[in-house]
Amino acid sequence: MSNYNHDHDYEASLGINIPDGLWETHDPLLCLGANEPPFFTQADIDSYNELSDFIQQHDVVMENDGLESEACPESSRDRSMTELYCGGQAAALPYSSSTSPYDPGETETTSHEELSITLKEFTSTINQLGVLSKTLGNKVDGLNSRFDDMGHRLDSMEHRMDSMKYTMDNLSQGTEDLEAKFKTVNEYLLEVIRQERIVMQEFGDLASQYHEREI
């Protein structure tokens, strides 16, 4: 049972006459006084929408939930106007308080197109990031190769430095050996000179003695 009384004067102004007993039905088509296959015009749709607005306004006052009341359950409320056009005379619209034409597939198509564009842009961005990542990876590989080459060169230079150090050590040792030899030779020469002086002194003494004997 509905919790409100419908307004006959308001219904009359809309050109609709709904008996009191039909408010107890659960069929929204019977609420409009339709007992046979419907044939609605745009004016009928406008009247239906205005009546729905009126019922919703009264439901707000009565703290009800509009067409979700017992008079019109949710299953009946959600029926689109396509079901009212059984003969397919006109393109039906979902319930709306506005009388302007509305294509139910327009929003879905637009949303699908926007989603498709967004996905394409996202895919393009991912591809660009992949190309950039690959480029950066190649550059990093090139830098790593250069660093490896520099490392090999540094190792080679280190080996050369070690070899030069070993050579210098050998030269230093050879120089020390030469210095020792020169010192030995110098001492030997000094000894020879000393012995020569001794021999010369002895030879002078012998010559003096021989000269004295002859006299």
C-alpha atoms as a PDB file:
ATOM      1  CA  MET A   1       0.000   0.000   0.000  1.00  0.00           C
ATOM      2  CA  SER A   2       1.252   3.485  -0.732  1.00  0.00           C
ATOM      3  CA  ASN A   3       1.650   5.950   2.111  1.00  0.00           C
ATOM      4  CA  TYR A   4       0.380   8.990   0.180  1.00  0.00           C
ATOM      5  CA  ASN A   5      -2.792  10.123  -1.583  1.00  0.00           C
ATOM      6  CA  HIS A   6      -2.525  11.244  -5.153  1.00  0.00           C
ATOM      7  CA  ASP A   7      -3.711  14.652  -6.233  1.00  0.00           C
ATOM      8  CA  HIS A   8      -6.663  14.410  -8.636  1.00  0.00           C
ATOM      9  CA  ASP A   9      -6.408  18.103  -9.532  1.00  0.00           C
ATOM     10  CA  TYR A  10      -2.740  17.740 -10.412  1.00  0.00           C
ATOM     11  CA  GLU A  11      -3.483  14.617 -12.434  1.00  0.00           C
ATOM     12  CA  ALA A  12      -6.239  16.437 -14.265  1.00  0.00           C
ATOM     13  CA  SER A  13      -3.834  19.264 -15.134  1.00  0.00           C
ATOM     14  CA  LEU A  14      -1.555  16.622 -16.649  1.00  0.00           C
ATOM     15  CA  GLY A  15      -4.383  15.042 -18.575  1.00  0.00           C
ATOM     16  CA  ILE A  16      -4.120  11.797 -16.567  1.00  0.00           C
ATOM     17  CA  ASN A  17      -6.936  10.174 -14.620  1.00  0.00           C
ATOM     18  CA  ILE A  18      -5.767   7.410 -12.292  1.00  0.00           C
ATOM     19  CA  PRO A  19      -8.415   5.650 -10.134  1.00  0.00           C
ATOM     20  CA  ASP A  20      -7.672   5.293  -6.412  1.00  0.00           C
ATOM     21  CA  GLY A  21      -7.639   1.529  -6.573  1.00  0.00           C
ATOM     22  CA  LEU A  22      -4.810   1.429  -9.072  1.00  0.00           C
ATOM     23  CA  TRP A  23      -2.400   2.958  -6.533  1.00  0.00           C
ATOM     24  CA  GLU A  24      -2.303  -0.440  -4.829  1.00  0.00           C
ATOM     25  CA  THR A  25      -0.878  -2.211  -7.888  1.00  0.00           C
ATOM     26  CA  HIS A  26       2.794  -3.050  -8.239  1.00  0.00           C
ATOM     27  CA  ASP A  27       2.809  -2.557 -12.010  1.00  0.00           C
ATOM     28  CA  PRO A  28       3.865   0.955 -13.092  1.00  0.00           C
ATOM     29  CA  LEU A  29       1.965   0.455 -16.348  1.00  0.00           C
ATOM     30  CA  LEU A  30      -1.256  -0.110 -14.428  1.00  0.00           C
ATOM     31  CA  CYS A  31      -0.415   2.964 -12.324  1.00  0.00           C
ATOM     32  CA  LEU A  32      -0.757   4.875 -15.581  1.00  0.00           C
ATOM     33  CA  GLY A  33      -4.087   3.209 -16.293  1.00  0.00           C
ATOM     34  CA  ALA A  34      -2.730   0.967 -19.052  1.00  0.00           C
ATOM     35  CA  ASN A  35      -4.430  -2.431 -19.274  1.00  0.00           C
ATOM     36  CA  GLU A  36      -3.437  -3.244 -22.837  1.00  0.00           C
ATOM     37  CA  PRO A  37      -0.292  -3.102 -24.966  1.00  0.00           C
ATOM     38  CA  PRO A  38       0.795   0.563 -24.724  1.00  0.00           C
ATOM     39  CA  PHE A  39       1.273   3.047 -27.501  1.00  0.00           C
ATOM     40  CA  PHE A  40       2.877   6.170 -26.034  1.00  0.00           C
ATOM     41  CA  THR A  41       3.749   9.513 -27.511  1.00  0.00           C
ATOM     42  CA  GLN A  42       6.354  11.979 -26.343  1.00  0.00           C
ATOM     43  CA  ALA A  43       3.641  13.822 -24.435  1.00  0.00           C
ATOM     44  CA  ASP A  44       2.827  10.585 -22.557  1.00  0.00           C
ATOM     45  CA  ILE A  45       6.494  10.196 -21.666  1.00  0.00           C
ATOM     46  CA  ASP A  46       6.671  13.795 -20.444  1.00  0.00           C
ATOM     47  CA  SER A  47       3.566  13.285 -18.345  1.00  0.00           C
ATOM     48  CA  TYR A  48       4.986  10.079 -16.911  1.00  0.00           C
ATOM     49  CA  ASN A  49       8.214  11.865 -15.984  1.00  0.00           C
ATOM     50  CA  GLU A  50       6.354  14.777 -14.377  1.00  0.00           C
ATOM     51  CA  LEU A  51       4.204  12.358 -12.392  1.00  0.00           C
ATOM     52  CA  SER A  52       7.328  10.518 -11.249  1.00  0.00           C
ATOM     53  CA  ASP A  53       8.841  13.824 -10.114  1.00  0.00           C
ATOM     54  CA  PHE A  54       5.671  14.603  -8.201  1.00  0.00           C
ATOM     55  CA  ILE A  55       5.700  11.196  -6.489  1.00  0.00           C
ATOM     56  CA  GLN A  56       9.380  11.538  -5.603  1.00  0.00           C
ATOM     57  CA  GLN A  57       8.788  14.961  -4.063  1.00  0.00           C
ATOM     58  CA  HIS A  58       5.974  13.581  -1.888  1.00  0.00           C
ATOM     59  CA  ASP A  59       8.151  10.605  -0.929  1.00  0.00           C
ATOM     60  CA  VAL A  60      10.884  12.947   0.298  1.00  0.00           C
ATOM     61  CA  VAL A  61       8.354  14.655   2.546  1.00  0.00           C
ATOM     62  CA  MET A  62       7.063  11.303   3.818  1.00  0.00           C
ATOM     63  CA  GLU A  63      10.697  10.071   4.288  1.00  0.00           C
ATOM     64  CA  ASN A  64      10.124   7.353   1.715  1.00  0.00           C
ATOM     65  CA  ASP A  65      12.401   6.411  -1.158  1.00  0.00           C
ATOM     66  CA  GLY A  66      10.395   7.612  -4.162  1.00  0.00           C
ATOM     67  CA  LEU A  67       9.444   4.914  -6.578  1.00  0.00           C
ATOM     68  CA  GLU A  68      11.065   2.273  -4.327  1.00  0.00           C
ATOM     69  CA  SER A  69       7.886   2.287  -2.166  1.00  0.00           C
ATOM     70  CA  GLU A  70       5.420  -0.581  -2.166  1.00  0.00           C
ATOM     71  CA  ALA A  71       3.384   1.003  -4.970  1.00  0.00           C
ATOM     72  CA  CYS A  72       6.287   0.838  -7.419  1.00  0.00           C
ATOM     73  CA  PRO A  73       9.063  -1.604  -6.361  1.00  0.00           C
ATOM     74  CA  GLU A  74      12.652  -1.295  -7.574  1.00  0.00           C
ATOM     75  CA  SER A  75      12.227  -3.953 -10.244  1.00  0.00           C
ATOM     76  CA  SER A  76       9.391  -1.945 -11.779  1.00  0.00           C
ATOM     77  CA  ARG A  77      11.143   1.392 -11.332  1.00  0.00           C
ATOM     78  CA  ASP A  78      14.266   0.255 -13.171  1.00  0.00           C
ATOM     79  CA  ARG A  79      12.319  -0.727 -16.245  1.00  0.00           C
ATOM     80  CA  SER A  80      13.492   1.486 -19.059  1.00  0.00           C
ATOM     81  CA  MET A  81      11.106   3.260 -21.370  1.00  0.00           C
ATOM     82  CA  THR A  82      12.164   0.807 -24.065  1.00  0.00           C
ATOM     83  CA  GLU A  83       9.801  -1.709 -22.434  1.00  0.00           C
ATOM     84  CA  LEU A  84       6.935   0.786 -22.800  1.00  0.00           C
ATOM     85  CA  TYR A  85       7.410   0.910 -26.543  1.00  0.00           C
ATOM     86  CA  CYS A  86       6.462  -2.659 -27.369  1.00  0.00           C
ATOM     87  CA  GLY A  87       5.746  -1.807 -30.999  1.00  0.00           C
ATOM     88  CA  GLY A  88       9.066  -0.025 -31.480  1.00  0.00           C
ATOM     89  CA  GLN A  89       7.369   3.175 -32.691  1.00  0.00           C
ATOM     90  CA  ALA A  90      10.031   5.479 -31.196  1.00  0.00           C
ATOM     91  CA  ALA A  91      13.460   5.331 -29.603  1.00  0.00           C
ATOM     92  CA  ALA A  92      12.735   5.001 -25.870  1.00  0.00           C
ATOM     93  CA  LEU A  93      14.634   6.875 -23.197  1.00  0.00           C
ATOM     94  CA  PRO A  94      15.559   5.938 -19.623  1.00  0.00           C
ATOM     95  CA  TYR A  95      13.647   7.699 -16.879  1.00  0.00           C
ATOM     96  CA  SER A  96      14.660  11.306 -16.501  1.00  0.00           C
ATOM     97  CA  SER A  97      12.929  14.403 -15.165  1.00  0.00           C
ATOM     98  CA  SER A  98      14.226  16.242 -18.239  1.00  0.00           C
ATOM     99  CA  THR A  99      12.316  15.973 -21.510  1.00  0.00           C
ATOM    100  CA  SER A 100      15.384  16.499 -23.710  1.00  0.00           C
ATOM    101  CA  PRO A 101      16.383  13.541 -25.937  1.00  0.00           C
ATOM    102  CA  TYR A 102      19.101  11.306 -24.527  1.00  0.00           C
ATOM    103  CA  ASP A 103      20.974   8.432 -26.124  1.00  0.00           C
ATOM    104  CA  PRO A 104      21.725   5.736 -23.503  1.00  0.00           C
ATOM    105  CA  GLY A 105      24.627   4.430 -25.547  1.00  0.00           C
ATOM    106  CA  GLU A 106      26.243   7.837 -25.960  1.00  0.00           C
ATOM    107  CA  THR A 107      27.839   7.904 -22.512  1.00  0.00           C
ATOM    108  CA  GLU A 108      28.991   4.297 -22.783  1.00  0.00           C
ATOM    109  CA  THR A 109      30.424   4.934 -26.251  1.00  0.00           C
ATOM    110  CA  THR A 110      32.112   8.120 -25.095  1.00  0.00           C
ATOM    111  CA  SER A 111      33.477   6.404 -21.998  1.00  0.00           C
ATOM    112  CA  HIS A 112      34.707   3.499 -24.111  1.00  0.00           C
ATOM    113  CA  GLU A 113      36.379   5.858 -26.582  1.00  0.00           C
ATOM    114  CA  GLU A 114      37.954   7.897 -23.782  1.00  0.00           C
ATOM    115  CA  LEU A 115      39.152   4.703 -22.118  1.00  0.00           C
ATOM    116  CA  SER A 116      40.528   3.455 -25.429  1.00  0.00           C
ATOM    117  CA  ILE A 117      42.356   6.759 -26.010  1.00  0.00           C
ATOM    118  CA  THR A 118      43.686   6.697 -22.450  1.00  0.00           C
ATOM    119  CA  LEU A 119      44.892   3.113 -22.876  1.00  0.00           C
ATOM    120  CA  LYS A 120      46.538   4.001 -26.182  1.00  0.00           C
ATOM    121  CA  GLU A 121      48.270   6.994 -24.592  1.00  0.00           C
ATOM    122  CA  PHE A 122      49.319   4.836 -21.639  1.00  0.00           C
ATOM    123  CA  THR A 123      50.623   2.144 -24.003  1.00  0.00           C
ATOM    124  CA  SER A 124      52.468   4.778 -26.046  1.00  0.00           C
ATOM    125  CA  THR A 125      53.996   6.191 -22.864  1.00  0.00           C
ATOM    126  CA  ILE A 126      55.085   2.702 -21.778  1.00  0.00           C
ATOM    127  CA  ASN A 127      56.607   2.079 -25.217  1.00  0.00           C
ATOM    128  CA  GLN A 128      58.456   5.401 -25.058  1.00  0.00           C
ATOM    129  CA  LEU A 129      59.709   4.556 -21.584  1.00  0.00           C
ATOM    130  CA  GLY A 130      60.802   1.152 -22.897  1.00  0.00           C
ATOM    131  CA  VAL A 131      62.729   2.761 -25.762  1.00  0.00           C
ATOM    132  CA  LEU A 132      64.278   5.277 -23.354  1.00  0.00           C
ATOM    133  CA  SER A 133      65.173   2.498 -20.936  1.00  0.00           C
ATOM    134  CA  LYS A 134      66.744   0.492 -23.753  1.00  0.00           C
ATOM    135  CA  THR A 135      68.714   3.549 -24.912  1.00  0.00           C
ATOM    136  CA  LEU A 136      69.900   4.245 -21.383  1.00  0.00           C
ATOM    137  CA  GLY A 137      70.790   0.568 -21.002  1.00  0.00           C
ATOM    138  CA  ASN A 138      72.889   0.692 -24.176  1.00  0.00           C
ATOM    139  CA  LYS A 139      74.633   3.841 -22.956  1.00  0.00           C
ATOM    140  CA  VAL A 140      75.285   2.249 -19.576  1.00  0.00           C
ATOM    141  CA  ASP A 141      76.682  -0.839 -21.308  1.00  0.00           C
ATOM    142  CA  GLY A 142      78.928   1.427 -23.409  1.00  0.00           C
ATOM    143  CA  LEU A 143      80.138   3.242 -20.301  1.00  0.00           C
ATOM    144  CA  ASN A 144      80.766  -0.072 -18.544  1.00  0.00           C
ATOM    145  CA  SER A 145      82.775  -1.249 -21.548  1.00  0.00           C
ATOM    146  CA  ARG A 146      84.830   1.947 -21.472  1.00  0.00           C
ATOM    147  CA  PHE A 147      85.403   1.613 -17.745  1.00  0.00           C
ATOM    148  CA  ASP A 148      86.499  -1.993 -18.246  1.00  0.00           C
ATOM    149  CA  ASP A 149      88.911  -0.893 -20.989  1.00  0.00           C
ATOM    150  CA  MET A 150      90.285   1.854 -18.738  1.00  0.00           C
ATOM    151  CA  GLY A 151      90.663  -0.712 -15.955  1.00  0.00           C
ATOM    152  CA  HIS A 152      92.643  -3.009 -18.265  1.00  0.00           C
ATOM    153  CA  ARG A 153      94.848  -0.101 -19.308  1.00  0.00           C
ATOM    154  CA  LEU A 154      95.458   0.880 -15.694  1.00  0.00           C
ATOM    155  CA  ASP A 155      96.358  -2.715 -14.880  1.00  0.00           C
ATOM    156  CA  SER A 156      98.776  -2.753 -17.819  1.00  0.00           C
ATOM    157  CA  MET A 157     100.317   0.531 -16.665  1.00  0.00           C
ATOM    158  CA  GLU A 158     100.638  -0.873 -13.164  1.00  0.00           C
ATOM    159  CA  HIS A 159     102.453  -3.915 -14.526  1.00  0.00           C
ATOM    160  CA  ARG A 160     104.761  -1.643 -16.489  1.00  0.00           C
ATOM    161  CA  MET A 161     105.438   0.466 -13.416  1.00  0.00           C
ATOM    162  CA  ASP A 162     106.250  -2.676 -11.456  1.00  0.00           C
ATOM    163  CA  SER A 163     108.594  -3.782 -14.227  1.00  0.00           C
ATOM    164  CA  MET A 164     110.284  -0.367 -14.294  1.00  0.00           C
ATOM    165  CA  LYS A 165     110.617  -0.434 -10.517  1.00  0.00           C
ATOM    166  CA  TYR A 166     112.214  -3.868 -10.710  1.00  0.00           C
ATOM    167  CA  THR A 167     114.597  -2.581 -13.382  1.00  0.00           C
ATOM    168  CA  MET A 168     115.465   0.460 -11.288  1.00  0.00           C
ATOM    169  CA  ASP A 169     116.111  -1.776  -8.318  1.00  0.00           C
ATOM    170  CA  ASN A 170     118.423  -3.872 -10.452  1.00  0.00           C
ATOM    171  CA  LEU A 171     120.192  -0.739 -11.711  1.00  0.00           C
ATOM    172  CA  SER A 172     120.551   0.532  -8.187  1.00  0.00           C
ATOM    173  CA  GLN A 173     122.012  -2.764  -7.087  1.00  0.00           C
ATOM    174  CA  GLY A 174     124.370  -2.738 -10.090  1.00  0.00           C
ATOM    175  CA  THR A 175     125.440   0.811  -9.265  1.00  0.00           C
ATOM    176  CA  GLU A 176     126.226  -0.201  -5.719  1.00  0.00           C
ATOM    177  CA  ASP A 177     128.238  -3.129  -7.043  1.00  0.00           C
ATOM    178  CA  LEU A 178     130.128  -0.790  -9.405  1.00  0.00           C
ATOM    179  CA  GLU A 179     130.834   1.621  -6.591  1.00  0.00           C
ATOM    180  CA  ALA A 180     132.229  -1.228  -4.518  1.00  0.00           C
ATOM    181  CA  LYS A 181     134.381  -2.337  -7.453  1.00  0.00           C
ATOM    182  CA  PHE A 182     135.617   1.206  -8.070  1.00  0.00           C
ATOM    183  CA  LYS A 183     136.502   1.500  -4.416  1.00  0.00           C
ATOM    184  CA  THR A 184     138.408  -1.757  -4.568  1.00  0.00           C
ATOM    185  CA  VAL A 185     140.246  -0.676  -7.723  1.00  0.00           C
ATOM    186  CA  ASN A 186     141.043   2.680  -6.160  1.00  0.00           C
ATOM    187  CA  GLU A 187     142.471   1.018  -3.086  1.00  0.00           C
ATOM    188  CA  TYR A 188     144.473  -1.313  -5.314  1.00  0.00           C
ATOM    189  CA  LEU A 189     145.893   1.600  -7.309  1.00  0.00           C
ATOM    190  CA  LEU A 190     146.822   3.429  -4.129  1.00  0.00           C
ATOM    191  CA  GLU A 191     148.609   0.328  -2.931  1.00  0.00           C
ATOM    192  CA  VAL A 192     150.429   0.041  -6.265  1.00  0.00           C
ATOM    193  CA  ILE A 193     151.519   3.659  -6.062  1.00  0.00           C
ATOM    194  CA  ARG A 194     152.727   3.144  -2.512  1.00  0.00           C
ATOM    195  CA  GLN A 195     154.663   0.024  -3.510  1.00  0.00           C
ATOM    196  CA  GLU A 196     156.111   1.874  -6.492  1.00  0.00           C
ATOM    197  CA  ARG A 197     157.351   4.647  -4.228  1.00  0.00           C
ATOM    198  CA  ILE A 198     158.926   2.080  -1.924  1.00  0.00           C
ATOM    199  CA  VAL A 199     160.623   0.393  -4.877  1.00  0.00           C
ATOM    200  CA  MET A 200     161.862   3.710  -6.211  1.00  0.00           C
ATOM    201  CA  GLN A 201     163.192   4.609  -2.768  1.00  0.00           C
ATOM    202  CA  GLU A 202     165.050   1.301  -2.541  1.00  0.00           C
ATOM    203  CA  PHE A 203     166.382   1.678  -6.083  1.00  0.00           C
ATOM    204  CA  GLY A 204     167.715   5.175  -5.194  1.00  0.00           C
ATOM    205  CA  ASP A 205     169.437   3.824  -2.108  1.00  0.00           C
ATOM    206  CA  LEU A 206     171.098   1.032  -4.104  1.00  0.00           C
ATOM    207  CA  ALA A 207     172.268   3.518  -6.733  1.00  0.00           C
ATOM    208  CA  SER A 208     173.823   5.729  -4.054  1.00  0.00           C
ATOM    209  CA  GLN A 209     175.637   2.783  -2.464  1.00  0.00           C
ATOM    210  CA  TYR A 210     177.005   1.621  -5.835  1.00  0.00           C
ATOM    211  CA  HIS A 211     178.244   5.124  -6.642  1.00  0.00           C
ATOM    212  CA  GLU A 212     180.071   5.388  -3.298  1.00  0.00           C
ATOM    213  CA  ARG A 213     181.832   2.026  -3.884  1.00  0.00           C
ATOM    214  CA  GLU A 214     183.188   3.162  -7.234  1.00  0.00           C
ATOM    215  CA  ILE A 215     184.713   6.270  -5.753  1.00  0.00           C
END
